[in-house]
């Protein structure tokens, strides 16, 4: 999937995830671990924010900002991201990546 960069070259993504409610606590722990590692270890990760819908906690939204397309592609190959994907594959019952264009970040 080609990702569009903003004027400064940053890549901004929104992901909508539906988590199997049986695994919600485990998913949240795995996601928090992955976000913490990404922010600590990857200078190209500008921001990773995660929220859930108040009335539907199994619906998770991620806002991801990377310094560049190269930083985003590098992130996808990191051990902590690959671990997160492997550990949570059975927990995620829906994933939609939404193309966005940054207005002001």
C-alpha atoms as a PDB file:
ATOM      1  CA  UNK A   1       0.000   0.000   0.000  1.00  0.00           C
ATOM      2  CA  UNK A   2       1.394   3.376  -1.019  1.00  0.00           C
ATOM      3  CA  UNK A   3       1.234   5.986   1.713  1.00  0.00           C
ATOM      4  CA  UNK A   4       0.908   9.686   0.930  1.00  0.00           C
ATOM      5  CA  UNK A   5       3.241  12.121   2.670  1.00  0.00           C
ATOM      6  CA  UNK A   6       2.313  15.655   3.709  1.00  0.00           C
ATOM      7  CA  UNK A   7       4.207  18.787   2.614  1.00  0.00           C
ATOM      8  CA  UNK A   8       6.919  18.156   5.212  1.00  0.00           C
ATOM      9  CA  UNK A   9       7.288  14.539   4.111  1.00  0.00           C
ATOM     10  CA  UNK A  10       5.518  13.115   7.168  1.00  0.00           C
ATOM     11  CA  UNK A  11       3.245  10.119   6.841  1.00  0.00           C
ATOM     12  CA  UNK A  12      -0.008  10.312   8.781  1.00  0.00           C
ATOM     13  CA  UNK A  13      -2.308   7.317   9.166  1.00  0.00           C
ATOM     14  CA  UNK A  14      -5.489   6.467  10.988  1.00  0.00           C
ATOM     15  CA  UNK A  15      -6.346   2.872  11.736  1.00  0.00           C
ATOM     16  CA  UNK A  16      -9.726   1.603  12.907  1.00  0.00           C
ATOM     17  CA  UNK A  17      -9.548  -1.727  14.690  1.00  0.00           C
ATOM     18  CA  UNK A  18     -12.256  -3.995  16.031  1.00  0.00           C
ATOM     19  CA  UNK A  19     -10.927  -6.150  18.863  1.00  0.00           C
ATOM     20  CA  UNK A  20     -12.508  -9.382  20.035  1.00  0.00           C
ATOM     21  CA  UNK A  21     -13.909  -8.336  23.443  1.00  0.00           C
ATOM     22  CA  UNK A  22     -12.584 -11.548  25.019  1.00  0.00           C
ATOM     23  CA  UNK A  23      -9.044 -10.291  24.396  1.00  0.00           C
ATOM     24  CA  UNK A  24      -9.476  -6.584  25.051  1.00  0.00           C
ATOM     25  CA  UNK A  25      -7.253  -6.392  28.147  1.00  0.00           C
ATOM     26  CA  UNK A  26      -4.485  -8.450  26.520  1.00  0.00           C
ATOM     27  CA  UNK A  27      -4.737  -6.390  23.340  1.00  0.00           C
ATOM     28  CA  UNK A  28      -4.416  -3.124  25.238  1.00  0.00           C
ATOM     29  CA  UNK A  29      -1.291  -4.370  26.992  1.00  0.00           C
ATOM     30  CA  UNK A  30       0.306  -5.527  23.739  1.00  0.00           C
ATOM     31  CA  UNK A  31      -0.542  -2.242  22.012  1.00  0.00           C
ATOM     32  CA  UNK A  32       0.837  -0.154  24.880  1.00  0.00           C
ATOM     33  CA  UNK A  33       4.070  -2.166  24.817  1.00  0.00           C
ATOM     34  CA  UNK A  34       4.400  -1.692  21.056  1.00  0.00           C
ATOM     35  CA  UNK A  35       3.736   2.057  21.234  1.00  0.00           C
ATOM     36  CA  UNK A  36       6.217   2.520  24.084  1.00  0.00           C
ATOM     37  CA  UNK A  37       8.932   0.618  22.205  1.00  0.00           C
ATOM     38  CA  UNK A  38       8.269   2.481  18.958  1.00  0.00           C
ATOM     39  CA  UNK A  39       8.510   5.884  20.595  1.00  0.00           C
ATOM     40  CA  UNK A  40      11.618   4.931  22.582  1.00  0.00           C
ATOM     41  CA  UNK A  41      13.536   3.146  19.822  1.00  0.00           C
ATOM     42  CA  UNK A  42      12.494   4.750  16.536  1.00  0.00           C
ATOM     43  CA  UNK A  43      13.438   8.372  15.931  1.00  0.00           C
ATOM     44  CA  UNK A  44      11.231   8.346  12.810  1.00  0.00           C
ATOM     45  CA  UNK A  45       8.093   7.726  14.849  1.00  0.00           C
ATOM     46  CA  UNK A  46       6.787  11.204  15.573  1.00  0.00           C
ATOM     47  CA  UNK A  47       3.618  10.178  17.404  1.00  0.00           C
ATOM     48  CA  UNK A  48       1.463   7.133  18.069  1.00  0.00           C
ATOM     49  CA  UNK A  49      -1.836   7.749  19.809  1.00  0.00           C
ATOM     50  CA  UNK A  50      -4.424   5.113  20.709  1.00  0.00           C
ATOM     51  CA  UNK A  51      -7.998   5.597  21.911  1.00  0.00           C
ATOM     52  CA  UNK A  52     -11.119   3.496  22.148  1.00  0.00           C
ATOM     53  CA  UNK A  53     -14.703   4.545  21.671  1.00  0.00           C
ATOM     54  CA  UNK A  54     -16.303   5.307  25.021  1.00  0.00           C
ATOM     55  CA  UNK A  55     -19.483   3.391  24.287  1.00  0.00           C
ATOM     56  CA  UNK A  56     -17.700   0.583  22.457  1.00  0.00           C
ATOM     57  CA  UNK A  57     -14.290  -0.108  24.052  1.00  0.00           C
ATOM     58  CA  UNK A  58     -13.483  -2.887  21.589  1.00  0.00           C
ATOM     59  CA  UNK A  59     -13.357  -0.277  18.811  1.00  0.00           C
ATOM     60  CA  UNK A  60      -9.834   1.125  18.836  1.00  0.00           C
ATOM     61  CA  UNK A  61      -8.529   4.050  16.811  1.00  0.00           C
ATOM     62  CA  UNK A  62      -4.864   4.780  16.169  1.00  0.00           C
ATOM     63  CA  UNK A  63      -3.345   8.021  14.923  1.00  0.00           C
ATOM     64  CA  UNK A  64       0.151   7.401  13.610  1.00  0.00           C
ATOM     65  CA  UNK A  65       2.628  10.047  12.473  1.00  0.00           C
ATOM     66  CA  UNK A  66       5.981   9.122  10.942  1.00  0.00           C
ATOM     67  CA  UNK A  67       8.772  11.480   9.894  1.00  0.00           C
ATOM     68  CA  UNK A  68       8.848   9.996   6.378  1.00  0.00           C
ATOM     69  CA  UNK A  69       7.780   7.109   4.189  1.00  0.00           C
ATOM     70  CA  UNK A  70      11.153   5.467   4.950  1.00  0.00           C
ATOM     71  CA  UNK A  71      10.485   5.774   8.696  1.00  0.00           C
ATOM     72  CA  UNK A  72       7.067   4.178   8.233  1.00  0.00           C
ATOM     73  CA  UNK A  73       8.475   1.305   6.177  1.00  0.00           C
ATOM     74  CA  UNK A  74      11.249   0.800   8.744  1.00  0.00           C
ATOM     75  CA  UNK A  75       8.663   0.709  11.558  1.00  0.00           C
ATOM     76  CA  UNK A  76       6.847  -2.154   9.843  1.00  0.00           C
ATOM     77  CA  UNK A  77      10.009  -4.283  10.041  1.00  0.00           C
ATOM     78  CA  UNK A  78      10.996  -3.660  13.666  1.00  0.00           C
ATOM     79  CA  UNK A  79      11.054  -6.601  16.074  1.00  0.00           C
ATOM     80  CA  UNK A  80       8.582  -4.917  18.456  1.00  0.00           C
ATOM     81  CA  UNK A  81       6.049  -4.228  15.683  1.00  0.00           C
ATOM     82  CA  UNK A  82       6.359  -7.760  14.271  1.00  0.00           C
ATOM     83  CA  UNK A  83       5.919  -9.157  17.806  1.00  0.00           C
ATOM     84  CA  UNK A  84       2.788  -7.024  18.303  1.00  0.00           C
ATOM     85  CA  UNK A  85       1.319  -8.195  14.981  1.00  0.00           C
ATOM     86  CA  UNK A  86       2.005 -11.859  15.776  1.00  0.00           C
ATOM     87  CA  UNK A  87       0.681 -11.652  19.349  1.00  0.00           C
ATOM     88  CA  UNK A  88      -2.505  -9.796  18.423  1.00  0.00           C
ATOM     89  CA  UNK A  89      -3.431 -11.418  15.098  1.00  0.00           C
ATOM     90  CA  UNK A  90      -6.110 -13.583  16.714  1.00  0.00           C
ATOM     91  CA  UNK A  91      -7.442 -10.630  18.754  1.00  0.00           C
ATOM     92  CA  UNK A  92      -8.110  -8.267  15.845  1.00  0.00           C
ATOM     93  CA  UNK A  93     -11.361  -9.106  14.079  1.00  0.00           C
ATOM     94  CA  UNK A  94     -11.409  -6.023  11.886  1.00  0.00           C
ATOM     95  CA  UNK A  95      -8.855  -3.535  10.590  1.00  0.00           C
ATOM     96  CA  UNK A  96      -9.402  -0.578   8.314  1.00  0.00           C
ATOM     97  CA  UNK A  97      -6.581   1.763   7.304  1.00  0.00           C
ATOM     98  CA  UNK A  98      -7.954   5.181   6.449  1.00  0.00           C
ATOM     99  CA  UNK A  99      -6.073   7.422   4.034  1.00  0.00           C
ATOM    100  CA  UNK A 100      -5.756  10.913   5.518  1.00  0.00           C
ATOM    101  CA  UNK A 101      -4.116  14.190   4.658  1.00  0.00           C
ATOM    102  CA  UNK A 102      -2.728  16.266   7.494  1.00  0.00           C
ATOM    103  CA  UNK A 103      -4.145  19.751   7.858  1.00  0.00           C
ATOM    104  CA  UNK A 104      -2.167  20.742  10.910  1.00  0.00           C
ATOM    105  CA  UNK A 105      -0.125  18.436  13.114  1.00  0.00           C
END
